[in-house]
Amino acid sequence: MNFLFAIAGIFLSLPSHGLISKEGIEYFTPEQKSYLEEGIAASEWPSYCPMTAELAKNRVKPPKGAIGKAEVLVVDKSRRLLHLLHNEQIIASYRIALGKSPVGDKVREGDNKTPEGRYFIELKNPKSEYHLGLKINYPNKADIEEALRKGIKDPGKDILFHGLPNSWYKRKFINHPEDWTRGCMAVTDAQIEQIYASVEMGSYVEICP
């Protein structure tokens, strides 16, 4: 089943944009987040994860300047790749840095791991501490339930696609694109500017091992 058809009804029922704060941060209400999260959980479209080798083989070097709109973001953790897709076609691929302990799924705050699973963009922050921020809905209901089963009270939060630190001092301690984040997915500032303009609220995100 094509993802776009599987979830089309959910997207059509949601506003094309979230609310916007005085600081310019775009976000979904809890009701909007819950509605979209339930729709993704109930959908039966195939995972992109078995396709990561094929996606990597067909990776697309980002063009200069703006790219078209992308409704799907696929993260291939093992190859450190982010693919932006439109109508099931790759429009751009990026080298990414992950959390400092990249192997395995995120389960708790402070484990420095990047989560794995199906998410969506729930917030766009033009004033992020790390140049621009696209926040995913981690932890979702499944993540919270899994953490509780394991006796973990805090599964972590604030997982974003973002650029490099705005602080020159913090930049001294990273060697991008080596893994350096606390669980987020980082690209260069120029790349996040391109991605940020391409991706809208509610865009589907799948993070693969």
Protein backbone atom coordinates (compact mmCIF):
# COMPACT_ATOMS: atom_id res chain seq x y z
CA MET A 1 0.00 0.00 0.00
CA ASN A 2 1.35 3.40 -0.91
CA PHE A 3 1.95 5.56 2.16
CA LEU A 4 0.38 8.62 0.56
CA PHE A 5 -2.93 6.86 -0.05
CA ALA A 6 -2.90 5.08 3.30
CA ILE A 7 -2.73 8.29 5.28
CA ALA A 8 -4.28 10.77 2.85
CA GLY A 9 -7.48 10.99 4.87
CA ILE A 10 -5.57 11.94 8.00
CA PHE A 11 -3.64 14.71 6.28
CA LEU A 12 -6.76 16.06 4.58
CA SER A 13 -8.46 16.30 7.96
CA LEU A 14 -5.59 18.23 9.53
CA PRO A 15 -4.73 21.89 8.97
CA SER A 16 -2.02 22.32 6.34
CA HIS A 17 -0.01 24.12 9.02
CA GLY A 18 0.13 24.07 12.78
CA LEU A 19 -0.35 26.96 15.13
CA ILE A 20 2.39 29.59 15.29
CA SER A 21 3.70 31.07 18.54
CA LYS A 22 4.87 34.64 19.04
CA GLU A 23 8.43 33.35 18.65
CA GLY A 24 7.60 31.96 15.20
CA ILE A 25 7.55 28.30 16.31
CA GLU A 26 5.03 26.22 14.37
CA TYR A 27 3.43 23.39 16.35
CA PHE A 28 0.50 20.99 16.56
CA THR A 29 -1.99 21.00 19.42
CA PRO A 30 -2.10 17.84 21.58
CA GLU A 31 -5.35 16.88 19.84
CA GLN A 32 -3.79 17.18 16.39
CA LYS A 33 -0.74 15.17 17.47
CA SER A 34 -2.90 12.43 18.96
CA TYR A 35 -5.05 12.20 15.84
CA LEU A 36 -2.08 11.83 13.50
CA GLU A 37 -0.22 9.45 15.81
CA GLU A 38 -3.23 7.14 16.05
CA GLY A 39 -3.61 7.17 12.27
CA ILE A 40 0.01 6.19 11.70
CA ALA A 41 -0.21 3.41 14.29
CA ALA A 42 -3.36 1.99 12.68
CA SER A 43 -2.10 2.16 9.10
CA GLU A 44 -0.75 -0.94 7.37
CA TRP A 45 1.51 0.51 4.69
CA PRO A 46 4.86 -1.25 4.23
CA SER A 47 7.94 -0.08 6.05
CA TYR A 48 10.70 1.71 4.14
CA CYS A 49 13.34 -0.03 6.25
CA PRO A 50 13.69 -3.13 4.02
CA MET A 51 14.37 -0.70 1.16
CA THR A 52 17.30 1.17 2.72
CA ALA A 53 19.94 -0.57 0.58
CA GLU A 54 18.02 0.31 -2.57
CA LEU A 55 17.47 3.87 -1.39
CA ALA A 56 21.19 4.22 -0.66
CA LYS A 57 22.06 2.90 -4.11
CA ASN A 58 19.73 5.47 -5.67
CA ARG A 59 20.69 8.37 -3.39
CA VAL A 60 20.35 11.82 -4.91
CA LYS A 61 22.90 14.56 -4.33
CA PRO A 62 21.05 17.67 -3.18
CA PRO A 63 20.92 20.31 -5.89
CA LYS A 64 22.02 23.86 -5.22
CA GLY A 65 19.27 26.14 -4.00
CA ALA A 66 15.75 25.11 -3.12
CA ILE A 67 14.30 21.64 -3.63
CA GLY A 68 10.67 20.61 -4.01
CA LYS A 69 8.34 19.62 -1.20
CA ALA A 70 8.92 16.28 0.52
CA GLU A 71 6.23 14.44 2.46
CA VAL A 72 8.40 11.50 3.58
CA LEU A 73 11.75 11.46 5.41
CA VAL A 74 13.59 8.14 5.69
CA VAL A 75 16.59 7.85 8.03
CA ASP A 76 19.04 5.01 7.41
CA LYS A 77 21.01 4.96 10.66
CA SER A 78 23.54 2.30 9.64
CA ARG A 79 24.56 4.26 6.52
CA ARG A 80 24.10 7.69 8.16
CA LEU A 81 21.75 8.79 5.39
CA LEU A 82 18.58 10.89 5.29
CA HIS A 83 16.43 10.63 2.18
CA LEU A 84 13.66 13.11 1.31
CA LEU A 85 10.92 11.58 -0.83
CA HIS A 86 8.14 13.04 -2.93
CA ASN A 87 5.64 10.72 -4.62
CA GLU A 88 7.87 7.78 -3.61
CA GLN A 89 10.88 9.25 -5.44
CA ILE A 90 14.06 10.48 -3.75
CA ILE A 91 14.54 14.20 -4.30
CA ALA A 92 17.60 14.62 -2.05
CA SER A 93 19.86 12.55 0.22
CA TYR A 94 22.05 13.86 3.04
CA ARG A 95 24.89 12.57 5.22
CA ILE A 96 23.80 12.84 8.84
CA ALA A 97 25.33 12.62 12.31
CA LEU A 98 23.47 10.67 15.00
CA GLY A 99 23.58 10.31 18.76
CA LYS A 100 26.97 9.51 20.29
CA SER A 101 25.79 5.93 21.00
CA PRO A 102 24.11 5.27 17.66
CA VAL A 103 23.56 1.50 17.71
CA GLY A 104 20.14 0.40 18.94
CA ASP A 105 16.84 2.09 19.68
CA LYS A 106 16.48 4.93 22.16
CA VAL A 107 14.89 3.78 25.42
CA ARG A 108 15.77 6.36 28.09
CA GLU A 109 16.82 9.95 28.65
CA GLY A 110 20.57 10.37 28.46
CA ASP A 111 21.38 7.20 26.52
CA ASN A 112 22.61 9.30 23.55
CA LYS A 113 20.74 7.05 21.11
CA THR A 114 18.65 8.02 18.10
CA PRO A 115 15.18 6.43 18.20
CA GLU A 116 13.90 3.96 15.61
CA GLY A 117 10.34 3.77 14.36
CA ARG A 118 7.56 5.71 12.65
CA TYR A 119 7.03 9.34 13.54
CA PHE A 120 6.00 12.67 12.06
CA ILE A 121 7.17 16.29 12.18
CA GLU A 122 5.29 17.93 15.06
CA LEU A 123 7.14 21.24 15.40
CA LYS A 124 9.23 23.62 13.30
CA ASN A 125 11.53 25.92 15.27
CA PRO A 126 13.31 28.71 13.37
CA LYS A 127 15.11 29.78 16.56
CA SER A 128 16.48 26.43 17.67
CA GLU A 129 19.67 26.26 19.74
CA TYR A 130 21.04 24.19 16.86
CA HIS A 131 20.47 25.97 13.53
CA LEU A 132 16.78 25.40 12.69
CA GLY A 133 14.84 22.50 14.18
CA LEU A 134 12.35 19.94 12.91
CA LYS A 135 11.03 18.05 15.93
CA ILE A 136 9.54 14.56 15.67
CA ASN A 137 6.85 13.17 17.99
CA TYR A 138 9.22 11.08 20.12
CA PRO A 139 8.26 9.62 22.49
CA ASN A 140 4.98 8.44 21.01
CA LYS A 141 2.50 6.25 22.83
CA ALA A 142 4.31 3.04 21.86
CA ASP A 143 7.66 4.41 23.07
CA ILE A 144 6.18 5.40 26.43
CA GLU A 145 4.50 2.01 26.89
CA GLU A 146 7.72 0.17 26.02
CA ALA A 147 9.69 2.25 28.51
CA LEU A 148 7.15 1.50 31.25
CA ARG A 149 7.35 -2.24 30.54
CA LYS A 150 11.11 -1.99 31.05
CA GLY A 151 10.70 0.00 34.26
CA ILE A 152 12.02 3.19 32.67
CA LYS A 153 10.28 6.36 33.83
CA ASP A 154 11.80 8.80 31.33
CA PRO A 155 12.22 7.64 27.69
CA GLY A 156 13.68 11.02 26.70
CA LYS A 157 12.33 13.77 24.46
CA ASP A 158 13.25 16.61 22.08
CA ILE A 159 14.48 14.58 19.10
CA LEU A 160 15.00 16.82 16.08
CA PHE A 161 16.56 17.17 12.68
CA HIS A 162 18.81 20.20 13.04
CA GLY A 163 21.97 21.94 11.89
CA LEU A 164 25.13 22.77 13.81
CA PRO A 165 25.22 24.56 17.18
CA ASN A 166 24.63 28.29 16.97
CA SER A 167 27.27 28.73 19.67
CA TRP A 168 30.80 28.91 18.26
CA TYR A 169 32.04 27.49 21.57
CA LYS A 170 29.96 24.32 21.22
CA ARG A 171 31.14 23.91 17.65
CA LYS A 172 34.70 23.51 18.92
CA PHE A 173 33.78 20.17 20.50
CA ILE A 174 32.21 18.45 17.49
CA ASN A 175 33.66 17.02 14.29
CA HIS A 176 30.68 16.81 11.99
CA PRO A 177 29.65 14.48 10.38
CA GLU A 178 31.01 12.17 13.08
CA ASP A 179 28.23 11.24 15.53
CA TRP A 180 28.00 13.98 18.15
CA THR A 181 24.37 14.61 19.17
CA ARG A 182 22.40 13.43 22.20
CA GLY A 183 20.02 11.51 19.93
CA CYS A 184 19.08 14.03 17.27
CA MET A 185 19.89 13.85 13.54
CA ALA A 186 22.25 16.61 12.43
CA VAL A 187 23.26 18.00 9.05
CA THR A 188 25.13 21.14 8.02
CA ASP A 189 23.49 24.54 8.31
CA ALA A 190 23.10 24.87 4.55
CA GLN A 191 21.50 21.43 4.38
CA ILE A 192 19.01 22.04 7.20
CA GLU A 193 17.96 25.27 5.52
CA GLN A 194 17.13 23.28 2.40
CA ILE A 195 15.36 20.54 4.37
CA TYR A 196 13.46 22.97 6.60
CA ALA A 197 11.99 24.74 3.56
CA SER A 198 11.06 21.42 1.93
CA VAL A 199 9.36 19.71 4.87
CA GLU A 200 5.93 20.66 6.21
CA MET A 201 4.22 19.93 9.50
CA GLY A 202 2.93 16.36 9.73
CA SER A 203 5.45 14.96 7.24
CA TYR A 204 6.02 11.24 7.80
CA VAL A 205 9.36 10.15 9.29
CA GLU A 206 10.66 6.59 9.45
CA ILE A 207 13.93 5.98 11.28
CA CYS A 208 15.50 2.63 10.35
CA PRO A 209 18.30 0.76 12.16
